[in-house]
């Protein structure tokens, strides 16, 4: 299985935290507005996200790898 960096994941909690800075709030607000507009155009796909530092992360990636490898066989 080849692992690709094809997604951008940003924790909303972190955006909320940095938006407490009055200089960054307009940027975060504009960013969120842009994401909302883009999400209307993109397909309605859903994804699971796992932090790599979680103790179960290796098991999750192994399971995903098995699923991806099985797709290559078909």
N, C-alpha and C. Protein backbone atom coordinates (compact mmCIF):
# COMPACT_ATOMS: atom_id res chain seq x y z
N UNK A 1 0.84 -1.18 0.00
CA UNK A 1 0.00 0.00 0.00
C UNK A 1 0.89 1.24 0.00
N UNK A 2 0.57 2.16 -0.89
CA UNK A 2 1.28 3.44 -0.95
C UNK A 2 0.50 4.46 -0.12
N UNK A 3 1.17 5.14 0.78
CA UNK A 3 0.52 6.16 1.60
C UNK A 3 0.78 7.51 0.95
N UNK A 4 -0.30 8.24 0.67
CA UNK A 4 -0.19 9.54 0.04
C UNK A 4 -0.69 10.64 0.97
N UNK A 5 -0.13 11.80 0.83
CA UNK A 5 -0.62 12.97 1.55
C UNK A 5 -1.56 13.72 0.61
N UNK A 6 -2.78 13.23 0.49
CA UNK A 6 -3.70 13.85 -0.45
C UNK A 6 -4.84 14.60 0.22
N UNK A 7 -4.77 14.75 1.53
CA UNK A 7 -5.81 15.46 2.27
C UNK A 7 -5.20 16.55 3.13
N UNK A 8 -5.98 17.58 3.41
CA UNK A 8 -5.61 18.61 4.35
C UNK A 8 -6.58 18.50 5.52
N UNK A 9 -6.07 18.33 6.72
CA UNK A 9 -6.92 18.20 7.90
C UNK A 9 -6.55 19.32 8.87
N UNK A 10 -7.53 20.11 9.23
CA UNK A 10 -7.32 21.18 10.20
C UNK A 10 -8.37 21.02 11.29
N UNK A 11 -7.93 20.90 12.51
CA UNK A 11 -8.82 20.74 13.64
C UNK A 11 -9.57 22.07 13.87
N UNK A 12 -10.89 22.01 13.86
CA UNK A 12 -11.70 23.23 14.06
C UNK A 12 -11.40 23.87 15.41
N UNK A 13 -11.06 23.04 16.38
CA UNK A 13 -10.72 23.56 17.71
C UNK A 13 -9.52 24.50 17.62
N UNK A 14 -8.54 24.14 16.79
CA UNK A 14 -7.36 24.98 16.64
C UNK A 14 -7.71 26.30 15.94
N UNK A 15 -8.61 26.23 14.97
CA UNK A 15 -9.04 27.46 14.31
C UNK A 15 -9.76 28.38 15.29
N UNK A 16 -10.59 27.79 16.14
CA UNK A 16 -11.27 28.59 17.16
C UNK A 16 -10.27 29.23 18.11
N UNK A 17 -9.24 28.48 18.47
CA UNK A 17 -8.22 29.00 19.39
C UNK A 17 -7.47 30.18 18.77
N UNK A 18 -7.03 30.03 17.51
CA UNK A 18 -6.25 31.12 16.92
C UNK A 18 -7.13 32.31 16.56
N UNK A 19 -8.44 32.08 16.40
CA UNK A 19 -9.33 33.21 16.08
C UNK A 19 -9.55 34.10 17.30
N UNK A 20 -9.07 33.69 18.47
CA UNK A 20 -9.14 34.54 19.65
C UNK A 20 -8.19 35.74 19.50
N UNK A 21 -7.19 35.58 18.66
CA UNK A 21 -6.28 36.68 18.36
C UNK A 21 -6.99 37.63 17.40
N UNK A 22 -7.18 38.88 17.80
CA UNK A 22 -7.96 39.82 16.99
C UNK A 22 -7.36 40.05 15.61
N UNK A 23 -6.04 39.85 15.47
CA UNK A 23 -5.41 40.01 14.16
C UNK A 23 -5.68 38.82 13.25
N UNK A 24 -5.87 37.64 13.85
CA UNK A 24 -6.09 36.43 13.06
C UNK A 24 -7.56 36.14 12.81
N UNK A 25 -8.45 36.68 13.63
CA UNK A 25 -9.88 36.39 13.50
C UNK A 25 -10.42 36.68 12.10
N UNK A 26 -10.11 37.83 11.48
CA UNK A 26 -10.62 38.07 10.12
C UNK A 26 -10.13 37.04 9.11
N UNK A 27 -8.89 36.60 9.27
CA UNK A 27 -8.34 35.60 8.37
C UNK A 27 -9.04 34.25 8.55
N UNK A 28 -9.26 33.84 9.80
CA UNK A 28 -9.95 32.58 10.08
C UNK A 28 -11.39 32.66 9.57
N UNK A 29 -12.05 33.79 9.80
CA UNK A 29 -13.43 33.96 9.33
C UNK A 29 -13.51 33.84 7.80
N UNK A 30 -12.56 34.48 7.11
CA UNK A 30 -12.54 34.42 5.65
C UNK A 30 -12.24 33.00 5.17
N UNK A 31 -11.32 32.34 5.86
CA UNK A 31 -10.97 30.95 5.53
C UNK A 31 -12.19 30.04 5.66
N UNK A 32 -12.91 30.16 6.79
CA UNK A 32 -14.09 29.32 7.01
C UNK A 32 -15.18 29.61 5.98
N UNK A 33 -15.36 30.88 5.64
CA UNK A 33 -16.35 31.25 4.63
C UNK A 33 -15.98 30.61 3.29
N UNK A 34 -14.70 30.67 2.94
CA UNK A 34 -14.23 30.04 1.71
C UNK A 34 -14.45 28.54 1.71
N UNK A 35 -14.15 27.89 2.82
CA UNK A 35 -14.37 26.44 2.93
C UNK A 35 -15.85 26.09 2.76
N UNK A 36 -16.72 26.90 3.34
CA UNK A 36 -18.16 26.65 3.22
C UNK A 36 -18.61 26.75 1.76
N UNK A 37 -18.10 27.74 1.03
CA UNK A 37 -18.45 27.88 -0.39
C UNK A 37 -17.91 26.70 -1.18
N UNK A 38 -16.67 26.33 -0.95
CA UNK A 38 -16.06 25.21 -1.67
C UNK A 38 -16.80 23.92 -1.39
N UNK A 39 -17.25 23.74 -0.14
CA UNK A 39 -17.94 22.49 0.22
C UNK A 39 -19.26 22.33 -0.53
N UNK A 40 -19.83 23.42 -0.99
CA UNK A 40 -21.07 23.34 -1.78
C UNK A 40 -20.80 22.78 -3.18
N UNK A 41 -19.57 22.92 -3.64
CA UNK A 41 -19.20 22.50 -4.99
C UNK A 41 -18.66 21.07 -5.01
N UNK A 42 -17.95 20.69 -3.95
CA UNK A 42 -17.30 19.38 -3.91
C UNK A 42 -18.30 18.26 -3.65
N UNK A 43 -17.93 17.02 -4.01
CA UNK A 43 -18.81 15.89 -3.70
C UNK A 43 -18.99 15.75 -2.19
N UNK A 44 -20.09 15.16 -1.80
CA UNK A 44 -20.41 15.01 -0.38
C UNK A 44 -19.75 13.75 0.19
N UNK A 45 -18.42 13.72 0.13
CA UNK A 45 -17.69 12.58 0.68
C UNK A 45 -17.48 12.77 2.17
N UNK A 46 -17.41 11.66 2.88
CA UNK A 46 -17.15 11.67 4.32
C UNK A 46 -15.87 10.90 4.58
N UNK A 47 -15.09 11.34 5.56
CA UNK A 47 -13.82 10.69 5.86
C UNK A 47 -13.66 10.53 7.37
N UNK A 48 -12.91 9.52 7.75
CA UNK A 48 -12.50 9.33 9.13
C UNK A 48 -11.07 9.84 9.25
N UNK A 49 -10.78 10.49 10.34
CA UNK A 49 -9.43 11.01 10.57
C UNK A 49 -8.90 10.41 11.87
N UNK A 50 -7.68 9.94 11.84
CA UNK A 50 -7.04 9.36 13.03
C UNK A 50 -5.72 10.08 13.26
N UNK A 51 -5.53 10.57 14.47
CA UNK A 51 -4.25 11.18 14.81
C UNK A 51 -3.18 10.09 14.82
N UNK A 52 -2.06 10.36 14.20
CA UNK A 52 -1.00 9.37 14.11
C UNK A 52 -0.38 9.04 15.46
N UNK A 53 -0.52 9.92 16.43
CA UNK A 53 0.09 9.65 17.74
C UNK A 53 -0.84 8.89 18.68
N UNK A 54 -2.02 8.52 18.22
CA UNK A 54 -2.92 7.71 19.04
C UNK A 54 -2.38 6.28 19.13
N UNK A 55 -2.57 5.59 20.26
CA UNK A 55 -2.02 4.24 20.41
C UNK A 55 -2.59 3.23 19.41
N UNK A 56 -3.76 3.46 18.88
CA UNK A 56 -4.40 2.53 17.94
C UNK A 56 -4.14 2.91 16.48
N UNK A 57 -3.38 3.96 16.23
CA UNK A 57 -3.18 4.46 14.86
C UNK A 57 -2.55 3.40 13.95
N UNK A 58 -1.58 2.64 14.44
CA UNK A 58 -0.94 1.63 13.60
C UNK A 58 -1.93 0.54 13.18
N UNK A 59 -2.82 0.17 14.08
CA UNK A 59 -3.84 -0.83 13.73
C UNK A 59 -4.78 -0.30 12.67
N UNK A 60 -5.14 0.97 12.79
CA UNK A 60 -6.04 1.58 11.81
C UNK A 60 -5.37 1.61 10.43
N UNK A 61 -4.11 2.01 10.37
CA UNK A 61 -3.43 2.10 9.07
C UNK A 61 -3.26 0.72 8.45
N UNK A 62 -3.03 -0.30 9.29
CA UNK A 62 -2.95 -1.68 8.77
C UNK A 62 -4.28 -2.10 8.16
N UNK A 63 -5.36 -1.79 8.83
CA UNK A 63 -6.69 -2.14 8.33
C UNK A 63 -6.99 -1.40 7.02
N UNK A 64 -6.66 -0.13 6.97
CA UNK A 64 -6.86 0.63 5.74
C UNK A 64 -6.00 0.04 4.62
N UNK A 65 -4.76 -0.32 4.95
CA UNK A 65 -3.87 -0.91 3.96
C UNK A 65 -4.44 -2.19 3.37
N UNK A 66 -5.00 -3.04 4.22
CA UNK A 66 -5.61 -4.28 3.72
C UNK A 66 -6.74 -3.96 2.76
N UNK A 67 -7.56 -2.98 3.10
CA UNK A 67 -8.66 -2.59 2.23
C UNK A 67 -8.15 -2.03 0.91
N UNK A 68 -7.13 -1.20 0.95
CA UNK A 68 -6.58 -0.64 -0.28
C UNK A 68 -5.94 -1.73 -1.13
N UNK A 69 -5.20 -2.64 -0.49
CA UNK A 69 -4.56 -3.73 -1.23
C UNK A 69 -5.61 -4.61 -1.91
N UNK A 70 -6.74 -4.84 -1.24
CA UNK A 70 -7.78 -5.68 -1.84
C UNK A 70 -8.41 -5.01 -3.04
N UNK A 71 -8.43 -3.69 -3.09
CA UNK A 71 -8.96 -2.98 -4.26
C UNK A 71 -8.05 -3.18 -5.48
N UNK A 72 -6.73 -3.26 -5.21
CA UNK A 72 -5.77 -3.44 -6.31
C UNK A 72 -5.94 -4.80 -6.96
N UNK A 73 -6.36 -5.79 -6.20
CA UNK A 73 -6.54 -7.14 -6.73
C UNK A 73 -7.74 -7.20 -7.67
N UNK A 74 -8.79 -6.44 -7.35
CA UNK A 74 -10.00 -6.45 -8.17
C UNK A 74 -9.80 -5.80 -9.45
